[in-house]
N, C-alpha and C. Protein backbone atom coordinates (compact mmCIF):
# COMPACT_ATOMS: atom_id res chain seq x y z
N MET A 1 0.82 -1.21 0.00
CA MET A 1 0.00 0.00 0.00
C MET A 1 0.86 1.26 0.00
N LYS A 2 1.89 1.28 0.86
CA LYS A 2 2.76 2.46 0.94
C LYS A 2 3.49 2.69 -0.38
N SER A 3 3.97 1.61 -0.99
CA SER A 3 4.71 1.78 -2.25
C SER A 3 3.79 2.29 -3.36
N HIS A 4 2.53 1.86 -3.34
CA HIS A 4 1.57 2.34 -4.34
C HIS A 4 1.33 3.84 -4.16
N LEU A 5 1.18 4.26 -2.91
CA LEU A 5 0.96 5.68 -2.61
C LEU A 5 2.19 6.50 -3.02
N ARG A 6 3.36 5.99 -2.69
CA ARG A 6 4.61 6.70 -3.03
C ARG A 6 4.75 6.83 -4.55
N GLU A 7 4.41 5.76 -5.26
CA GLU A 7 4.50 5.80 -6.73
C GLU A 7 3.53 6.83 -7.30
N ARG A 8 2.33 6.89 -6.76
CA ARG A 8 1.34 7.87 -7.22
C ARG A 8 1.82 9.30 -6.95
N GLN A 9 2.39 9.52 -5.77
CA GLN A 9 2.90 10.85 -5.44
C GLN A 9 4.05 11.24 -6.37
N SER A 10 4.89 10.30 -6.68
CA SER A 10 6.01 10.57 -7.59
C SER A 10 5.51 10.95 -8.97
N LYS A 11 4.49 10.24 -9.45
CA LYS A 11 3.94 10.54 -10.77
C LYS A 11 3.31 11.93 -10.80
N LEU A 12 2.60 12.30 -9.74
CA LEU A 12 2.00 13.63 -9.67
C LEU A 12 3.06 14.72 -9.61
N ALA A 13 4.08 14.51 -8.81
CA ALA A 13 5.17 15.48 -8.71
C ALA A 13 5.89 15.60 -10.05
N SER A 14 6.07 14.48 -10.72
CA SER A 14 6.73 14.48 -12.02
C SER A 14 5.96 15.35 -13.02
N LYS A 15 4.65 15.23 -13.02
CA LYS A 15 3.83 16.05 -13.92
C LYS A 15 3.99 17.53 -13.63
N LYS A 16 4.11 17.89 -12.34
CA LYS A 16 4.29 19.29 -11.98
C LYS A 16 5.62 19.82 -12.49
N TYR A 17 6.66 18.99 -12.42
CA TYR A 17 7.96 19.41 -12.94
C TYR A 17 7.92 19.60 -14.45
N VAL A 18 7.17 18.77 -15.15
CA VAL A 18 7.04 18.95 -16.60
C VAL A 18 6.36 20.28 -16.89
N THR A 19 5.31 20.57 -16.16
CA THR A 19 4.59 21.84 -16.34
C THR A 19 5.53 23.02 -16.10
N LYS A 20 6.32 22.95 -15.03
CA LYS A 20 7.30 24.02 -14.76
C LYS A 20 8.31 24.12 -15.90
N GLY A 21 8.74 22.97 -16.39
CA GLY A 21 9.71 22.95 -17.49
C GLY A 21 9.17 23.60 -18.74
N VAL A 22 7.93 23.32 -19.06
CA VAL A 22 7.30 23.92 -20.25
C VAL A 22 7.21 25.44 -20.08
N GLU A 23 6.85 25.88 -18.88
CA GLU A 23 6.78 27.32 -18.63
C GLU A 23 8.16 27.97 -18.82
N CYS A 24 9.19 27.32 -18.30
CA CYS A 24 10.55 27.84 -18.47
C CYS A 24 10.95 27.86 -19.94
N PHE A 25 10.62 26.79 -20.65
CA PHE A 25 10.95 26.70 -22.07
C PHE A 25 10.33 27.87 -22.84
N LYS A 26 9.08 28.16 -22.56
CA LYS A 26 8.38 29.25 -23.25
C LYS A 26 9.02 30.60 -22.97
N LYS A 27 9.65 30.75 -21.78
CA LYS A 27 10.31 32.01 -21.42
C LYS A 27 11.75 32.06 -21.93
N GLY A 28 12.19 30.98 -22.57
CA GLY A 28 13.56 30.94 -23.07
C GLY A 28 14.57 30.51 -22.01
N GLU A 29 14.10 30.04 -20.88
CA GLU A 29 14.97 29.58 -19.79
C GLU A 29 15.25 28.09 -20.00
N HIS A 30 16.06 27.81 -21.00
CA HIS A 30 16.25 26.43 -21.44
C HIS A 30 16.96 25.55 -20.42
N GLN A 31 17.96 26.07 -19.73
CA GLN A 31 18.66 25.25 -18.74
C GLN A 31 17.72 24.89 -17.59
N GLU A 32 16.94 25.85 -17.15
CA GLU A 32 15.97 25.58 -16.07
C GLU A 32 14.91 24.59 -16.53
N ALA A 33 14.49 24.71 -17.78
CA ALA A 33 13.53 23.75 -18.33
C ALA A 33 14.12 22.35 -18.32
N MET A 34 15.38 22.23 -18.75
CA MET A 34 16.04 20.92 -18.77
C MET A 34 16.14 20.34 -17.36
N ASN A 35 16.46 21.18 -16.40
CA ASN A 35 16.54 20.72 -15.01
C ASN A 35 15.20 20.16 -14.54
N ASN A 36 14.13 20.84 -14.91
CA ASN A 36 12.80 20.37 -14.51
C ASN A 36 12.44 19.05 -15.20
N TYR A 37 12.76 18.92 -16.47
CA TYR A 37 12.48 17.66 -17.17
C TYR A 37 13.30 16.52 -16.58
N ARG A 38 14.55 16.81 -16.22
CA ARG A 38 15.42 15.79 -15.62
C ARG A 38 14.83 15.32 -14.28
N THR A 39 14.39 16.27 -13.46
CA THR A 39 13.79 15.91 -12.18
C THR A 39 12.51 15.10 -12.39
N ALA A 40 11.71 15.51 -13.36
CA ALA A 40 10.48 14.78 -13.66
C ALA A 40 10.79 13.32 -14.01
N LEU A 41 11.83 13.11 -14.79
CA LEU A 41 12.19 11.75 -15.20
C LEU A 41 12.83 10.96 -14.07
N GLU A 42 13.48 11.63 -13.15
CA GLU A 42 13.99 10.94 -11.96
C GLU A 42 12.84 10.41 -11.11
N LEU A 43 11.76 11.18 -11.06
CA LEU A 43 10.59 10.78 -10.27
C LEU A 43 9.75 9.72 -10.97
N ASP A 44 9.68 9.81 -12.29
CA ASP A 44 8.87 8.88 -13.08
C ASP A 44 9.55 8.65 -14.42
N LYS A 45 10.29 7.57 -14.51
CA LYS A 45 11.07 7.28 -15.72
C LYS A 45 10.19 7.05 -16.95
N GLU A 46 8.91 6.79 -16.74
CA GLU A 46 8.00 6.52 -17.85
C GLU A 46 7.14 7.72 -18.23
N ASN A 47 7.48 8.90 -17.74
CA ASN A 47 6.70 10.11 -18.03
C ASN A 47 6.96 10.53 -19.47
N THR A 48 6.05 10.15 -20.35
CA THR A 48 6.24 10.44 -21.77
C THR A 48 6.21 11.94 -22.06
N ASP A 49 5.45 12.69 -21.29
CA ASP A 49 5.43 14.14 -21.50
C ASP A 49 6.81 14.74 -21.25
N ALA A 50 7.49 14.26 -20.22
CA ALA A 50 8.84 14.75 -19.93
C ALA A 50 9.81 14.35 -21.03
N LEU A 51 9.67 13.14 -21.52
CA LEU A 51 10.55 12.68 -22.61
C LEU A 51 10.34 13.49 -23.88
N VAL A 52 9.09 13.74 -24.22
CA VAL A 52 8.78 14.51 -25.43
C VAL A 52 9.24 15.96 -25.28
N ALA A 53 8.99 16.55 -24.11
CA ALA A 53 9.39 17.94 -23.87
C ALA A 53 10.91 18.08 -23.92
N ARG A 54 11.61 17.11 -23.33
CA ARG A 54 13.07 17.15 -23.37
C ARG A 54 13.57 17.02 -24.81
N GLY A 55 12.92 16.16 -25.57
CA GLY A 55 13.27 16.02 -26.99
C GLY A 55 13.04 17.31 -27.76
N ALA A 56 11.94 17.98 -27.47
CA ALA A 56 11.65 19.25 -28.13
C ALA A 56 12.71 20.30 -27.79
N LEU A 57 13.14 20.30 -26.54
CA LEU A 57 14.18 21.24 -26.13
C LEU A 57 15.49 20.95 -26.85
N TYR A 58 15.89 19.69 -26.89
CA TYR A 58 17.10 19.33 -27.64
C TYR A 58 16.97 19.72 -29.10
N SER A 59 15.81 19.47 -29.67
CA SER A 59 15.57 19.79 -31.07
C SER A 59 15.69 21.28 -31.32
N SER A 60 15.09 22.08 -30.46
CA SER A 60 15.13 23.54 -30.66
C SER A 60 16.56 24.05 -30.55
N LYS A 61 17.34 23.48 -29.65
CA LYS A 61 18.74 23.89 -29.53
C LYS A 61 19.51 23.51 -30.78
N PHE A 62 19.26 22.34 -31.31
CA PHE A 62 19.94 21.88 -32.52
C PHE A 62 19.58 22.78 -33.70
N VAL A 63 18.32 23.11 -33.84
CA VAL A 63 17.88 23.95 -34.95
C VAL A 63 18.54 25.33 -34.85
N LYS A 64 18.57 25.91 -33.66
CA LYS A 64 19.19 27.22 -33.49
C LYS A 64 20.67 27.17 -33.85
N SER A 65 21.34 26.10 -33.43
CA SER A 65 22.75 25.96 -33.75
C SER A 65 22.96 25.81 -35.25
N ALA A 66 22.10 25.06 -35.89
CA ALA A 66 22.22 24.84 -37.33
C ALA A 66 21.98 26.15 -38.08
N VAL A 67 21.02 26.93 -37.66
CA VAL A 67 20.73 28.21 -38.31
C VAL A 67 21.93 29.13 -38.18
N LYS A 68 22.50 29.22 -36.97
CA LYS A 68 23.68 30.07 -36.76
C LYS A 68 24.83 29.63 -37.66
N PHE A 69 25.02 28.34 -37.78
CA PHE A 69 26.09 27.81 -38.62
C PHE A 69 25.92 28.25 -40.07
N PHE A 70 24.72 28.14 -40.60
CA PHE A 70 24.51 28.48 -42.01
C PHE A 70 24.54 29.98 -42.24
N ILE A 71 24.20 30.77 -41.25
CA ILE A 71 24.28 32.22 -41.39
C ILE A 71 25.74 32.64 -41.49
N LEU A 72 26.62 31.92 -40.78
CA LEU A 72 28.04 32.24 -40.81
C LEU A 72 28.71 31.87 -42.12
N LEU A 73 28.10 31.00 -42.91
CA LEU A 73 28.69 30.57 -44.18
C LEU A 73 28.68 31.64 -45.22
């Protein structure tokens, strides 16, 4: 019973960290967003929202880097 309750609490806390991460991402606070996604995944390794959000953050960083590279050419 205790482990079930602890697991549920971890999943709820994980969702809150994803929400915080998305808010940070929208403000351009990418490192803080990544920290929140990382914490979310530590609490719930199966949190698909955290995985997708982290992927979106990596993707946006890659795209920005690629754009800067081609502008310099």
